[in-house]
Amino acid sequence: MKGKPSLGFLVVFLLLTLLAPLSCVESSADIMTGSSLIADVTQDLAEGKLEVRNLIPPGMCPGHYDVKPSDVETLANSQAFLIHNWQQDKANIMGLIEAAQNPSLIIKVIDVPDASMVPNVQAETIDKIAQVLSEIDPGNNVLSAERRAEKTGSLN
């Protein structure tokens, strides 16, 4: 008889351990981004003062990404959505925006050439994202300007 309560406790413990990650779904962000490039620059410029969540994982074809319900919920609770110019007409992006039903959502298109690893294009990308961040969160304008100068200075 003494072994049965221990076995029951072990089963309950294992079930809770396996199900716990399901209850920790991240469903909101200050800013949602359309690519890891935009997410990385945004996180770097904001220095942790804004919560950033990326939509399309690195290495995945943006046109083949299937939007998840958690993506819709995150965008519905986000302040802004930063996307590339080539993403603005994609069905999955437009469907996500429509499904989120967030009338106060700020959608900003980061319009730069598709050569993000070329130093001058990378500097332009950083400048445009910093400008957008200063529009979205004017209180961090100085911080974004400092980070922008630091980041773009190393590219020139």
N, C-alpha and C. Protein backbone atom coordinates (compact mmCIF):
# COMPACT_ATOMS: atom_id res chain seq x y z
N MET A 1 0.81 -1.19 0.00
CA MET A 1 0.00 0.00 0.00
C MET A 1 0.85 1.26 0.00
N LYS A 2 1.99 1.21 0.65
CA LYS A 2 2.82 2.39 0.71
C LYS A 2 3.34 2.77 -0.67
N GLY A 3 3.55 1.86 -1.57
CA GLY A 3 4.07 2.12 -2.90
C GLY A 3 3.06 2.80 -3.81
N LYS A 4 1.75 2.59 -3.61
CA LYS A 4 0.73 3.15 -4.50
C LYS A 4 0.67 4.68 -4.44
N PRO A 5 0.68 5.32 -3.28
CA PRO A 5 0.66 6.79 -3.27
C PRO A 5 1.90 7.36 -3.96
N SER A 6 3.04 6.73 -3.80
CA SER A 6 4.26 7.21 -4.44
C SER A 6 4.15 7.11 -5.95
N LEU A 7 3.57 6.02 -6.45
CA LEU A 7 3.38 5.83 -7.88
C LEU A 7 2.39 6.86 -8.43
N GLY A 8 1.31 7.11 -7.69
CA GLY A 8 0.33 8.13 -8.10
C GLY A 8 0.96 9.51 -8.15
N PHE A 9 1.76 9.84 -7.16
CA PHE A 9 2.45 11.12 -7.14
C PHE A 9 3.39 11.25 -8.32
N LEU A 10 4.09 10.19 -8.64
CA LEU A 10 5.03 10.18 -9.75
C LEU A 10 4.30 10.41 -11.07
N VAL A 11 3.16 9.77 -11.27
CA VAL A 11 2.38 9.94 -12.49
C VAL A 11 1.89 11.38 -12.62
N VAL A 12 1.35 11.93 -11.56
CA VAL A 12 0.87 13.32 -11.57
C VAL A 12 2.03 14.27 -11.85
N PHE A 13 3.16 14.05 -11.20
CA PHE A 13 4.33 14.89 -11.41
C PHE A 13 4.79 14.85 -12.86
N LEU A 14 4.85 13.66 -13.45
CA LEU A 14 5.27 13.54 -14.84
C LEU A 14 4.29 14.24 -15.79
N LEU A 15 2.99 14.09 -15.53
CA LEU A 15 2.00 14.77 -16.37
C LEU A 15 2.13 16.28 -16.29
N LEU A 16 2.28 16.81 -15.09
CA LEU A 16 2.45 18.25 -14.92
C LEU A 16 3.72 18.75 -15.59
N THR A 17 4.78 17.98 -15.49
CA THR A 17 6.05 18.34 -16.11
C THR A 17 5.92 18.40 -17.63
N LEU A 18 5.21 17.44 -18.20
CA LEU A 18 5.03 17.40 -19.66
C LEU A 18 4.07 18.48 -20.16
N LEU A 19 3.07 18.83 -19.37
CA LEU A 19 2.06 19.80 -19.82
C LEU A 19 2.41 21.25 -19.46
N ALA A 20 3.35 21.47 -18.57
CA ALA A 20 3.70 22.83 -18.14
C ALA A 20 4.12 23.74 -19.28
N PRO A 21 4.95 23.30 -20.24
CA PRO A 21 5.34 24.20 -21.34
C PRO A 21 4.15 24.68 -22.18
N LEU A 22 3.08 23.91 -22.23
CA LEU A 22 1.92 24.31 -23.02
C LEU A 22 1.22 25.52 -22.43
N SER A 23 1.35 25.74 -21.14
CA SER A 23 0.70 26.87 -20.51
C SER A 23 1.55 28.13 -20.55
N CYS A 24 2.75 28.04 -21.07
CA CYS A 24 3.68 29.18 -21.09
C CYS A 24 3.82 29.75 -22.50
N VAL A 25 2.76 29.81 -23.25
CA VAL A 25 2.80 30.32 -24.61
C VAL A 25 2.89 31.85 -24.58
N GLU A 26 3.86 32.37 -25.29
CA GLU A 26 4.03 33.82 -25.38
C GLU A 26 3.00 34.37 -26.35
N SER A 27 2.10 35.22 -25.89
CA SER A 27 1.01 35.67 -26.75
C SER A 27 0.95 37.18 -26.93
N SER A 28 1.95 37.88 -26.47
CA SER A 28 1.95 39.31 -26.71
C SER A 28 3.37 39.80 -26.90
N ALA A 29 3.48 40.92 -27.57
CA ALA A 29 4.77 41.55 -27.80
C ALA A 29 4.51 43.02 -28.07
N ASP A 30 5.49 43.85 -27.80
CA ASP A 30 5.35 45.25 -28.17
C ASP A 30 5.42 45.37 -29.69
N ILE A 31 6.37 44.62 -30.27
CA ILE A 31 6.60 44.68 -31.70
C ILE A 31 6.72 43.26 -32.25
N MET A 32 6.04 43.00 -33.35
CA MET A 32 6.19 41.75 -34.06
C MET A 32 6.92 42.08 -35.36
N THR A 33 7.82 41.20 -35.78
CA THR A 33 8.60 41.44 -36.98
C THR A 33 8.38 40.34 -38.01
N GLY A 34 8.62 40.68 -39.26
CA GLY A 34 8.41 39.73 -40.35
C GLY A 34 9.61 38.87 -40.66
N SER A 35 10.77 39.18 -40.08
CA SER A 35 11.96 38.36 -40.33
C SER A 35 12.92 38.46 -39.15
N SER A 36 13.83 37.51 -39.09
CA SER A 36 14.82 37.52 -38.01
C SER A 36 15.78 38.69 -38.16
N LEU A 37 16.02 39.14 -39.38
CA LEU A 37 16.89 40.31 -39.59
C LEU A 37 16.29 41.54 -38.90
N ILE A 38 15.01 41.81 -39.16
CA ILE A 38 14.35 42.95 -38.54
C ILE A 38 14.27 42.76 -37.02
N ALA A 39 13.98 41.54 -36.59
CA ALA A 39 13.88 41.26 -35.15
C ALA A 39 15.21 41.51 -34.46
N ASP A 40 16.31 41.03 -35.04
CA ASP A 40 17.63 41.19 -34.41
C ASP A 40 18.02 42.67 -34.29
N VAL A 41 17.82 43.43 -35.37
CA VAL A 41 18.16 44.85 -35.33
C VAL A 41 17.26 45.57 -34.32
N THR A 42 15.97 45.25 -34.31
CA THR A 42 15.03 45.89 -33.40
C THR A 42 15.40 45.60 -31.95
N GLN A 43 15.68 44.35 -31.64
CA GLN A 43 16.07 43.99 -30.27
C GLN A 43 17.35 44.69 -29.87
N ASP A 44 18.30 44.76 -30.79
CA ASP A 44 19.58 45.39 -30.50
C ASP A 44 19.40 46.89 -30.23
N LEU A 45 18.63 47.56 -31.07
CA LEU A 45 18.41 49.00 -30.89
C LEU A 45 17.61 49.30 -29.62
N ALA A 46 16.63 48.47 -29.32
CA ALA A 46 15.77 48.71 -28.14
C ALA A 46 16.44 48.32 -26.83
N GLU A 47 17.51 47.55 -26.89
CA GLU A 47 18.26 47.11 -25.71
C GLU A 47 17.36 46.53 -24.62
N GLY A 48 16.40 45.71 -25.00
CA GLY A 48 15.55 45.04 -24.03
C GLY A 48 14.40 45.86 -23.49
N LYS A 49 14.23 47.08 -23.96
CA LYS A 49 13.15 47.93 -23.47
C LYS A 49 11.82 47.65 -24.17
N LEU A 50 11.87 46.93 -25.27
CA LEU A 50 10.66 46.53 -25.99
C LEU A 50 10.68 45.02 -26.16
N GLU A 51 9.53 44.41 -26.04
CA GLU A 51 9.44 42.97 -26.27
C GLU A 51 9.21 42.76 -27.76
N VAL A 52 10.12 42.01 -28.39
CA VAL A 52 10.07 41.78 -29.83
C VAL A 52 9.85 40.30 -30.09
N ARG A 53 8.92 40.00 -30.97
CA ARG A 53 8.66 38.61 -31.36
C ARG A 53 8.71 38.51 -32.87
N ASN A 54 9.46 37.56 -33.37
CA ASN A 54 9.62 37.36 -34.80
C ASN A 54 8.58 36.36 -35.31
N LEU A 55 8.05 36.62 -36.50
CA LEU A 55 7.05 35.74 -37.10
C LEU A 55 7.68 34.56 -37.81
N ILE A 56 8.49 34.80 -38.80
CA ILE A 56 9.03 33.73 -39.65
C ILE A 56 10.42 33.35 -39.16
N PRO A 57 10.60 32.08 -38.80
CA PRO A 57 11.90 31.63 -38.28
C PRO A 57 13.01 31.77 -39.33
N PRO A 58 14.25 31.96 -38.89
CA PRO A 58 15.37 32.04 -39.83
C PRO A 58 15.47 30.75 -40.64
N GLY A 59 15.82 30.90 -41.89
CA GLY A 59 15.99 29.74 -42.75
C GLY A 59 14.71 29.20 -43.36
N MET A 60 13.58 29.78 -43.03
CA MET A 60 12.31 29.31 -43.59
C MET A 60 11.89 30.21 -44.74
N CYS A 61 11.34 29.63 -45.77
CA CYS A 61 10.83 30.40 -46.90
C CYS A 61 9.63 31.22 -46.43
N PRO A 62 9.71 32.55 -46.53
CA PRO A 62 8.61 33.40 -46.05
C PRO A 62 7.27 33.13 -46.73
N GLY A 63 7.31 32.72 -47.98
CA GLY A 63 6.07 32.45 -48.71
C GLY A 63 5.40 31.15 -48.32
N HIS A 64 6.15 30.27 -47.65
CA HIS A 64 5.61 28.97 -47.26
C HIS A 64 5.33 28.86 -45.78
N TYR A 65 5.51 29.94 -45.05
CA TYR A 65 5.27 29.90 -43.61
C TYR A 65 3.76 29.87 -43.34
N ASP A 66 3.33 28.91 -42.54
CA ASP A 66 1.93 28.81 -42.15
C ASP A 66 1.73 29.52 -40.82
N VAL A 67 0.88 30.52 -40.84
CA VAL A 67 0.59 31.30 -39.64
C VAL A 67 -0.12 30.42 -38.62
N LYS A 68 0.30 30.53 -37.36
CA LYS A 68 -0.28 29.75 -36.27
C LYS A 68 -1.26 30.62 -35.48
N PRO A 69 -2.19 30.01 -34.78
CA PRO A 69 -3.10 30.79 -33.93
C PRO A 69 -2.35 31.68 -32.93
N SER A 70 -1.23 31.21 -32.41
CA SER A 70 -0.48 32.03 -31.45
C SER A 70 0.10 33.27 -32.13
N ASP A 71 0.41 33.18 -33.44
CA ASP A 71 0.88 34.35 -34.19
C ASP A 71 -0.22 35.40 -34.29
N VAL A 72 -1.43 34.94 -34.54
CA VAL A 72 -2.58 35.86 -34.64
C VAL A 72 -2.81 36.54 -33.30
N GLU A 73 -2.75 35.77 -32.23
CA GLU A 73 -2.97 36.32 -30.89
C GLU A 73 -1.87 37.33 -30.54
N THR A 74 -0.63 37.00 -30.88
CA THR A 74 0.47 37.92 -30.59
C THR A 74 0.31 39.23 -31.34
N LEU A 75 -0.03 39.15 -32.64
CA LEU A 75 -0.20 40.37 -33.42
C LEU A 75 -1.41 41.17 -32.93
N ALA A 76 -2.44 40.48 -32.50
CA ALA A 76 -3.62 41.16 -31.96
C ALA A 76 -3.28 41.96 -30.72
N ASN A 77 -2.25 41.56 -29.99
CA ASN A 77 -1.84 42.24 -28.76
C ASN A 77 -0.58 43.07 -28.93
N SER A 78 -0.12 43.26 -30.16
CA SER A 78 1.11 44.02 -30.42
C SER A 78 0.80 45.46 -30.76
N GLN A 79 1.78 46.29 -30.54
CA GLN A 79 1.66 47.70 -30.86
C GLN A 79 2.03 47.95 -32.32
N ALA A 80 3.02 47.20 -32.83
CA ALA A 80 3.50 47.44 -34.19
C ALA A 80 3.93 46.14 -34.86
N PHE A 81 3.92 46.16 -36.19
CA PHE A 81 4.35 45.03 -37.01
C PHE A 81 5.31 45.59 -38.05
N LEU A 82 6.57 45.17 -37.99
CA LEU A 82 7.60 45.63 -38.92
C LEU A 82 7.87 44.54 -39.94
N ILE A 83 7.70 44.87 -41.21
CA ILE A 83 7.88 43.88 -42.27
C ILE A 83 8.76 44.46 -43.38
N HIS A 84 9.30 43.58 -44.20
CA HIS A 84 10.07 43.99 -45.38
C HIS A 84 9.11 44.45 -46.47
N ASN A 85 9.63 45.22 -47.42
CA ASN A 85 8.80 45.67 -48.53
C ASN A 85 8.27 44.50 -49.37
N TRP A 86 9.02 43.43 -49.47
CA TRP A 86 8.57 42.29 -50.27
C TRP A 86 7.56 41.42 -49.53
N GLN A 87 7.32 41.68 -48.27
CA GLN A 87 6.34 40.91 -47.50
C GLN A 87 4.95 41.53 -47.53
N GLN A 88 4.84 42.78 -47.90
CA GLN A 88 3.58 43.49 -47.76
C GLN A 88 2.45 42.96 -48.64
N ASP A 89 2.77 42.19 -49.67
CA ASP A 89 1.72 41.63 -50.53
C ASP A 89 1.57 40.12 -50.38
N LYS A 90 2.30 39.51 -49.46
CA LYS A 90 2.21 38.06 -49.27
C LYS A 90 0.89 37.69 -48.59
N ALA A 91 0.28 36.63 -49.08
CA ALA A 91 -1.02 36.20 -48.56
C ALA A 91 -0.96 35.86 -47.07
N ASN A 92 0.11 35.21 -46.63
CA ASN A 92 0.18 34.84 -45.21
C ASN A 92 0.31 36.08 -44.31
N ILE A 93 1.01 37.10 -44.77
CA ILE A 93 1.16 38.33 -43.98
C ILE A 93 -0.16 39.10 -43.95
N MET A 94 -0.78 39.26 -45.11
CA MET A 94 -2.05 40.00 -45.18
C MET A 94 -3.16 39.26 -44.40
N GLY A 95 -3.15 37.94 -44.50
CA GLY A 95 -4.12 37.14 -43.74
C GLY A 95 -3.92 37.27 -42.24
N LEU A 96 -2.66 37.31 -41.82
CA LEU A 96 -2.34 37.48 -40.39
C LEU A 96 -2.84 38.83 -39.89
N ILE A 97 -2.57 39.88 -40.65
CA ILE A 97 -3.00 41.22 -40.25
C ILE A 97 -4.52 41.29 -40.14
N GLU A 98 -5.19 40.71 -41.12
CA GLU A 98 -6.66 40.71 -41.11
C GLU A 98 -7.21 39.91 -39.93
N ALA A 99 -6.62 38.74 -39.69
CA ALA A 99 -7.10 37.88 -38.61
C ALA A 99 -6.85 38.48 -37.23
N ALA A 100 -5.81 39.27 -37.09
CA ALA A 100 -5.46 39.85 -35.78
C ALA A 100 -6.51 40.86 -35.31
N GLN A 101 -7.20 41.49 -36.24
CA GLN A 101 -8.24 42.47 -35.90
C GLN A 101 -7.78 43.45 -34.83
N ASN A 102 -6.65 44.09 -35.11
CA ASN A 102 -6.05 45.05 -34.18
C ASN A 102 -6.09 46.43 -34.84
N PRO A 103 -7.15 47.21 -34.60
CA PRO A 103 -7.28 48.51 -35.27
C PRO A 103 -6.20 49.52 -34.89
N SER A 104 -5.54 49.34 -33.75
CA SER A 104 -4.50 50.29 -33.35
C SER A 104 -3.10 49.82 -33.78
N LEU A 105 -3.02 48.72 -34.51
CA LEU A 105 -1.73 48.18 -34.94
C LEU A 105 -1.06 49.14 -35.92
N ILE A 106 0.20 49.43 -35.66
CA ILE A 106 1.02 50.26 -36.55
C ILE A 106 1.80 49.30 -37.44
N ILE A 107 1.59 49.37 -38.74
CA ILE A 107 2.31 48.51 -39.68
C ILE A 107 3.34 49.38 -40.39
N LYS A 108 4.60 49.00 -40.26
CA LYS A 108 5.69 49.75 -40.87
C LYS A 108 6.44 48.83 -41.84
N VAL A 109 6.58 49.30 -43.06
CA VAL A 109 7.31 48.57 -44.08
C VAL A 109 8.74 49.10 -44.12
N ILE A 110 9.70 48.21 -43.91
CA ILE A 110 11.12 48.58 -43.95
C ILE A 110 11.56 48.38 -45.41
N ASP A 111 11.62 49.47 -46.13
CA ASP A 111 11.86 49.45 -47.57
C ASP A 111 13.34 49.65 -47.87
N VAL A 112 14.07 48.54 -47.98
CA VAL A 112 15.50 48.56 -48.34
C VAL A 112 15.74 47.47 -49.38
N PRO A 113 16.83 47.59 -50.15
CA PRO A 113 17.15 46.54 -51.13
C PRO A 113 17.34 45.18 -50.47
N ASP A 114 17.18 44.14 -51.25
CA ASP A 114 17.29 42.77 -50.73
C ASP A 114 18.73 42.26 -50.66
N ALA A 115 19.61 43.06 -50.19
CA ALA A 115 21.01 42.67 -50.05
C ALA A 115 21.46 43.04 -48.65
N SER A 116 20.81 42.44 -47.66
CA SER A 116 20.99 42.87 -46.28
C SER A 116 22.40 42.66 -45.72
N MET A 117 23.22 41.87 -46.36
CA MET A 117 24.56 41.64 -45.83
C MET A 117 25.58 42.63 -46.41
N VAL A 118 25.18 43.43 -47.40
CA VAL A 118 26.06 44.47 -47.93
C VAL A 118 26.10 45.59 -46.89
N PRO A 119 27.29 46.01 -46.48
CA PRO A 119 27.38 46.97 -45.37
C PRO A 119 26.53 48.23 -45.51
N ASN A 120 26.50 48.87 -46.67
CA ASN A 120 25.71 50.10 -46.78
C ASN A 120 24.21 49.82 -46.72
N VAL A 121 23.78 48.66 -47.21
CA VAL A 121 22.36 48.28 -47.12
C VAL A 121 22.03 47.93 -45.67
N GLN A 122 22.93 47.27 -44.99
CA GLN A 122 22.72 46.94 -43.59
C GLN A 122 22.63 48.22 -42.75
N ALA A 123 23.47 49.19 -43.04
CA ALA A 123 23.42 50.47 -42.33
C ALA A 123 22.10 51.18 -42.61
N GLU A 124 21.62 51.13 -43.85
CA GLU A 124 20.34 51.74 -44.20
C GLU A 124 19.20 51.04 -43.47
N THR A 125 19.27 49.72 -43.36
CA THR A 125 18.25 48.95 -42.65
C THR A 125 18.21 49.37 -41.18
N ILE A 126 19.38 49.48 -40.56
CA ILE A 126 19.46 49.89 -39.16
C ILE A 126 18.87 51.29 -39.00
N ASP A 127 19.22 52.20 -39.90
CA ASP A 127 18.69 53.57 -39.83
C ASP A 127 17.16 53.59 -39.92
N LYS A 128 16.61 52.82 -40.86
CA LYS A 128 15.16 52.83 -41.04
C LYS A 128 14.43 52.21 -39.85
N ILE A 129 14.98 51.15 -39.30
CA ILE A 129 14.36 50.53 -38.13
C ILE A 129 14.46 51.47 -36.93
N ALA A 130 15.59 52.14 -36.76
CA ALA A 130 15.75 53.10 -35.66
C ALA A 130 14.75 54.24 -35.80
N GLN A 131 14.54 54.70 -37.02
CA GLN A 131 13.55 55.76 -37.26
C GLN A 131 12.15 55.30 -36.87
N VAL A 132 11.81 54.08 -37.26
CA VAL A 132 10.49 53.52 -36.93
C VAL A 132 10.35 53.39 -35.41
N LEU A 133 11.38 52.91 -34.74
CA LEU A 133 11.32 52.77 -33.27
C LEU A 133 11.14 54.13 -32.60
N SER A 134 11.78 55.15 -33.13
CA SER A 134 11.62 56.47 -32.52
C SER A 134 10.22 57.02 -32.74
N GLU A 135 9.55 56.61 -33.83
CA GLU A 135 8.17 57.02 -34.07
C GLU A 135 7.22 56.26 -33.14
N ILE A 136 7.49 54.97 -32.95
CA ILE A 136 6.62 54.13 -32.13
C ILE A 136 6.79 54.45 -30.64
N ASP A 137 8.03 54.63 -30.21
CA ASP A 137 8.34 54.86 -28.81
C ASP A 137 9.24 56.09 -28.68
N PRO A 138 8.66 57.29 -28.78
CA PRO A 138 9.46 58.52 -28.78
C PRO A 138 10.35 58.68 -27.55
N GLY A 139 9.99 58.08 -26.43
CA GLY A 139 10.80 58.17 -25.23
C GLY A 139 12.17 57.54 -25.37
N ASN A 140 12.31 56.60 -26.29
CA ASN A 140 13.59 55.93 -26.51
C ASN A 140 14.33 56.48 -27.71
N ASN A 141 13.95 57.65 -28.20
CA ASN A 141 14.55 58.22 -29.39
C ASN A 141 16.06 58.41 -29.24
N VAL A 142 16.50 58.94 -28.12
CA VAL A 142 17.93 59.16 -27.91
C VAL A 142 18.67 57.83 -27.89
N LEU A 143 18.09 56.88 -27.19
CA LEU A 143 18.70 55.56 -27.11
C LEU A 143 18.86 54.97 -28.51
N SER A 144 17.82 55.02 -29.32
CA SER A 144 17.89 54.47 -30.67
C SER A 144 18.92 55.20 -31.51
N ALA A 145 19.02 56.51 -31.36
CA ALA A 145 20.01 57.29 -32.11
C ALA A 145 21.42 56.88 -31.72
N GLU A 146 21.65 56.70 -30.42
CA GLU A 146 22.97 56.27 -29.96
C GLU A 146 23.32 54.89 -30.49
N ARG A 147 22.38 53.97 -30.38
CA ARG A 147 22.62 52.60 -30.86
C ARG A 147 22.80 52.59 -32.38
N ARG A 148 22.03 53.38 -33.08
CA ARG A 148 22.14 53.46 -34.54
C ARG A 148 23.53 53.93 -34.93
N ALA A 149 23.99 55.00 -34.30
CA ALA A 149 25.33 55.53 -34.61
C ALA A 149 26.41 54.49 -34.31
N GLU A 150 26.24 53.78 -33.21
CA GLU A 150 27.20 52.75 -32.84
C GLU A 150 27.21 51.62 -33.87
N LYS A 151 26.03 51.19 -34.26
CA LYS A 151 25.92 50.06 -35.19
C LYS A 151 26.31 50.42 -36.61
N THR A 152 25.85 51.55 -37.11
CA THR A 152 26.15 51.92 -38.50
C THR A 152 27.59 52.39 -38.64
N GLY A 153 28.17 52.95 -37.58
CA GLY A 153 29.57 53.41 -37.63
C GLY A 153 30.53 52.26 -37.90
N SER A 154 30.22 51.10 -37.38
CA SER A 154 31.11 49.95 -37.60
C SER A 154 30.96 49.35 -39.00
N LEU A 155 29.93 49.77 -39.73
CA LEU A 155 29.71 49.24 -41.07
C LEU A 155 30.33 50.12 -42.16
N ASN A 156 30.67 51.33 -41.80
CA ASN A 156 31.21 52.28 -42.81
C ASN A 156 32.72 52.30 -42.82
